[in-house]
C-alpha atoms as a PDB file:
ATOM      1  CA  MET A   1      19.019  24.446   9.529  1.00  0.00           C
ATOM      2  CA  ARG A   2      15.556  23.379   8.817  1.00  0.00           C
ATOM      3  CA  ARG A   3      16.421  22.570   5.185  1.00  0.00           C
ATOM      4  CA  TYR A   4      19.495  20.465   6.194  1.00  0.00           C
ATOM      5  CA  LEU A   5      17.415  18.544   8.583  1.00  0.00           C
ATOM      6  CA  ALA A   6      14.847  17.747   5.846  1.00  0.00           C
ATOM      7  CA  ILE A   7      17.553  16.655   3.534  1.00  0.00           C
ATOM      8  CA  LEU A   8      19.228  14.447   6.098  1.00  0.00           C
ATOM      9  CA  SER A   9      15.696  12.828   6.992  1.00  0.00           C
ATOM     10  CA  CYS A  10      15.065  12.183   3.226  1.00  0.00           C
ATOM     11  CA  ALA A  11      18.480  10.679   2.685  1.00  0.00           C
ATOM     12  CA  LEU A  12      18.119   8.484   5.868  1.00  0.00           C
ATOM     13  CA  PHE A  13      14.805   7.269   4.742  1.00  0.00           C
ATOM     14  CA  PHE A  14      16.107   6.579   1.271  1.00  0.00           C
ATOM     15  CA  ALA A  15      19.056   4.619   2.740  1.00  0.00           C
ATOM     16  CA  ILE A  16      16.627   2.431   4.790  1.00  0.00           C
ATOM     17  CA  LEU A  17      14.599   1.661   1.771  1.00  0.00           C
ATOM     18  CA  ALA A  18      17.603   0.910  -0.360  1.00  0.00           C
ATOM     19  CA  TYR A  19      18.933  -1.294   2.272  1.00  0.00           C
ATOM     20  CA  GLY A  20      15.841  -3.545   1.969  1.00  0.00           C
ATOM     21  CA  VAL A  21      15.623  -3.798  -1.707  1.00  0.00           C
ATOM     22  CA  PRO A  22      17.994  -6.755  -2.209  1.00  0.00           C
ATOM     23  CA  ASP A  23      15.692  -8.963   0.075  1.00  0.00           C
ATOM     24  CA  LEU A  24      12.649  -8.455  -2.153  1.00  0.00           C
ATOM     25  CA  PRO A  25      11.734 -11.207  -4.549  1.00  0.00           C
ATOM     26  CA  ASP A  26      12.194 -10.711  -8.255  1.00  0.00           C
ATOM     27  CA  LEU A  27       9.396  -9.323 -10.109  1.00  0.00           C
ATOM     28  CA  GLY A  28       7.110 -11.916 -11.456  1.00  0.00           C
ATOM     29  CA  ASP A  29       9.060 -14.723  -9.658  1.00  0.00           C
ATOM     30  CA  PRO A  30       6.637 -17.793  -9.229  1.00  0.00           C
ATOM     31  CA  ASP A  31       8.574 -18.899  -6.195  1.00  0.00           C
ATOM     32  CA  ALA A  32       7.800 -15.741  -4.208  1.00  0.00           C
ATOM     33  CA  PRO A  33       5.906 -16.282  -1.014  1.00  0.00           C
ATOM     34  CA  ALA A  34       2.874 -14.239  -2.041  1.00  0.00           C
ATOM     35  CA  ASN A  35       2.599 -16.484  -5.177  1.00  0.00           C
ATOM     36  CA  LYS A  36       3.062 -19.728  -3.350  1.00  0.00           C
ATOM     37  CA  HIS A  37       0.951 -19.276  -0.173  1.00  0.00           C
ATOM     38  CA  VAL A  38      -1.422 -16.267  -0.412  1.00  0.00           C
ATOM     39  CA  ALA A  39      -2.537 -16.441  -3.942  1.00  0.00           C
ATOM     40  CA  GLN A  40      -3.403 -20.182  -3.900  1.00  0.00           C
ATOM     41  CA  ARG A  41      -5.517 -19.634  -0.633  1.00  0.00           C
ATOM     42  CA  TYR A  42      -7.381 -16.820  -2.391  1.00  0.00           C
ATOM     43  CA  ILE A  43      -8.093 -18.940  -5.385  1.00  0.00           C
ATOM     44  CA  GLU A  44      -9.200 -21.972  -3.451  1.00  0.00           C
ATOM     45  CA  GLY A  45     -11.127 -20.522  -0.538  1.00  0.00           C
ATOM     46  CA  SER A  46     -12.446 -17.163  -1.652  1.00  0.00           C
ATOM     47  CA  TYR A  47     -15.966 -18.490  -2.426  1.00  0.00           C
ATOM     48  CA  THR A  48     -16.279 -20.703   0.594  1.00  0.00           C
ATOM     49  CA  GLU A  49     -14.971 -17.961   3.080  1.00  0.00           C
ATOM     50  CA  SER A  50     -16.751 -15.085   1.464  1.00  0.00           C
ATOM     51  CA  GLY A  51     -19.641 -16.364  -0.628  1.00  0.00           C
ATOM     52  CA  VAL A  52     -18.716 -13.982  -3.344  1.00  0.00           C
ATOM     53  CA  PRO A  53     -18.187 -15.769  -6.853  1.00  0.00           C
ATOM     54  CA  ASN A  54     -15.883 -13.206  -8.112  1.00  0.00           C
ATOM     55  CA  ILE A  55     -12.340 -13.604  -6.777  1.00  0.00           C
ATOM     56  CA  VAL A  56     -11.377 -10.023  -7.191  1.00  0.00           C
ATOM     57  CA  THR A  57     -14.355  -8.678  -5.388  1.00  0.00           C
ATOM     58  CA  ALA A  58     -13.777 -11.192  -2.678  1.00  0.00           C
ATOM     59  CA  VAL A  59     -10.198 -10.123  -2.022  1.00  0.00           C
ATOM     60  CA  LEU A  60     -10.876  -6.424  -2.220  1.00  0.00           C
ATOM     61  CA  ALA A  61     -14.105  -6.550   0.042  1.00  0.00           C
ATOM     62  CA  ASN A  62     -13.393  -9.367   2.442  1.00  0.00           C
ATOM     63  CA  TYR A  63      -9.560  -9.896   2.754  1.00  0.00           C
ATOM     64  CA  ARG A  64      -8.470  -6.386   2.061  1.00  0.00           C
ATOM     65  CA  GLY A  65     -11.383  -4.439   3.404  1.00  0.00           C
ATOM     66  CA  TYR A  66      -9.397  -2.566   6.158  1.00  0.00           C
ATOM     67  CA  ASP A  67      -6.396  -2.042   3.999  1.00  0.00           C
ATOM     68  CA  THR A  68      -8.576  -0.411   1.311  1.00  0.00           C
ATOM     69  CA  LEU A  69     -10.460   1.700   4.003  1.00  0.00           C
ATOM     70  CA  GLY A  70      -7.065   3.014   5.322  1.00  0.00           C
ATOM     71  CA  GLU A  71      -5.786   3.782   1.697  1.00  0.00           C
ATOM     72  CA  THR A  72      -8.987   5.828   1.275  1.00  0.00           C
ATOM     73  CA  ALA A  73      -8.529   7.727   4.457  1.00  0.00           C
ATOM     74  CA  VAL A  74      -4.961   8.621   3.501  1.00  0.00           C
ATOM     75  CA  ILE A  75      -5.982   9.924   0.034  1.00  0.00           C
ATOM     76  CA  PHE A  76      -8.882  11.748   1.611  1.00  0.00           C
ATOM     77  CA  THR A  77      -6.634  13.477   4.199  1.00  0.00           C
ATOM     78  CA  ALA A  78      -4.105  14.371   1.495  1.00  0.00           C
ATOM     79  CA  GLY A  79      -6.786  15.864  -0.551  1.00  0.00           C
ATOM     80  CA  ILE A  80      -8.134  17.917   2.225  1.00  0.00           C
ATOM     81  CA  THR A  81      -4.599  18.932   3.108  1.00  0.00           C
ATOM     82  CA  VAL A  82      -3.878  20.022  -0.419  1.00  0.00           C
ATOM     83  CA  MET A  83      -7.130  22.065  -0.563  1.00  0.00           C
ATOM     84  CA  LEU A  84      -6.291  23.843   2.644  1.00  0.00           C
ATOM     85  CA  LEU A  85      -2.792  24.687   1.359  1.00  0.00           C
ATOM     86  CA  ILE A  86      -4.046  26.035  -1.924  1.00  0.00           C
ATOM     87  CA  ARG A  87      -6.662  27.995  -0.134  1.00  0.00           C
ATOM     88  CA  ARG A  88      -4.232  29.646   2.235  1.00  0.00           C
ATOM     89  CA  LYS A  89      -1.952  30.567  -0.857  1.00  0.00           C
ATOM     90  CA  TRP A  90      -4.655  32.373  -2.708  1.00  0.00           C
ATOM     91  CA  ASN A  91      -6.049  34.298   0.287  1.00  0.00           C
END
């Protein structure tokens, strides 16, 4: 029963993701919202808002700092979990 529930959950999650794919912009589309609004703001205002002359550093450190911190926490948690699982298997 547990295996069937896992398969059903994965299939449902896949269906939800597949349902949203047609609404995504084409890859490299210059008219995509991220290319029209966000990128232009980063290019024009990154130095005045952050004081950092490098645009990539300004985006990663100032605009996406919390996002990067969250990604780091997820990767750290996954690594600790894998280590605990491997340790349990070898003992």
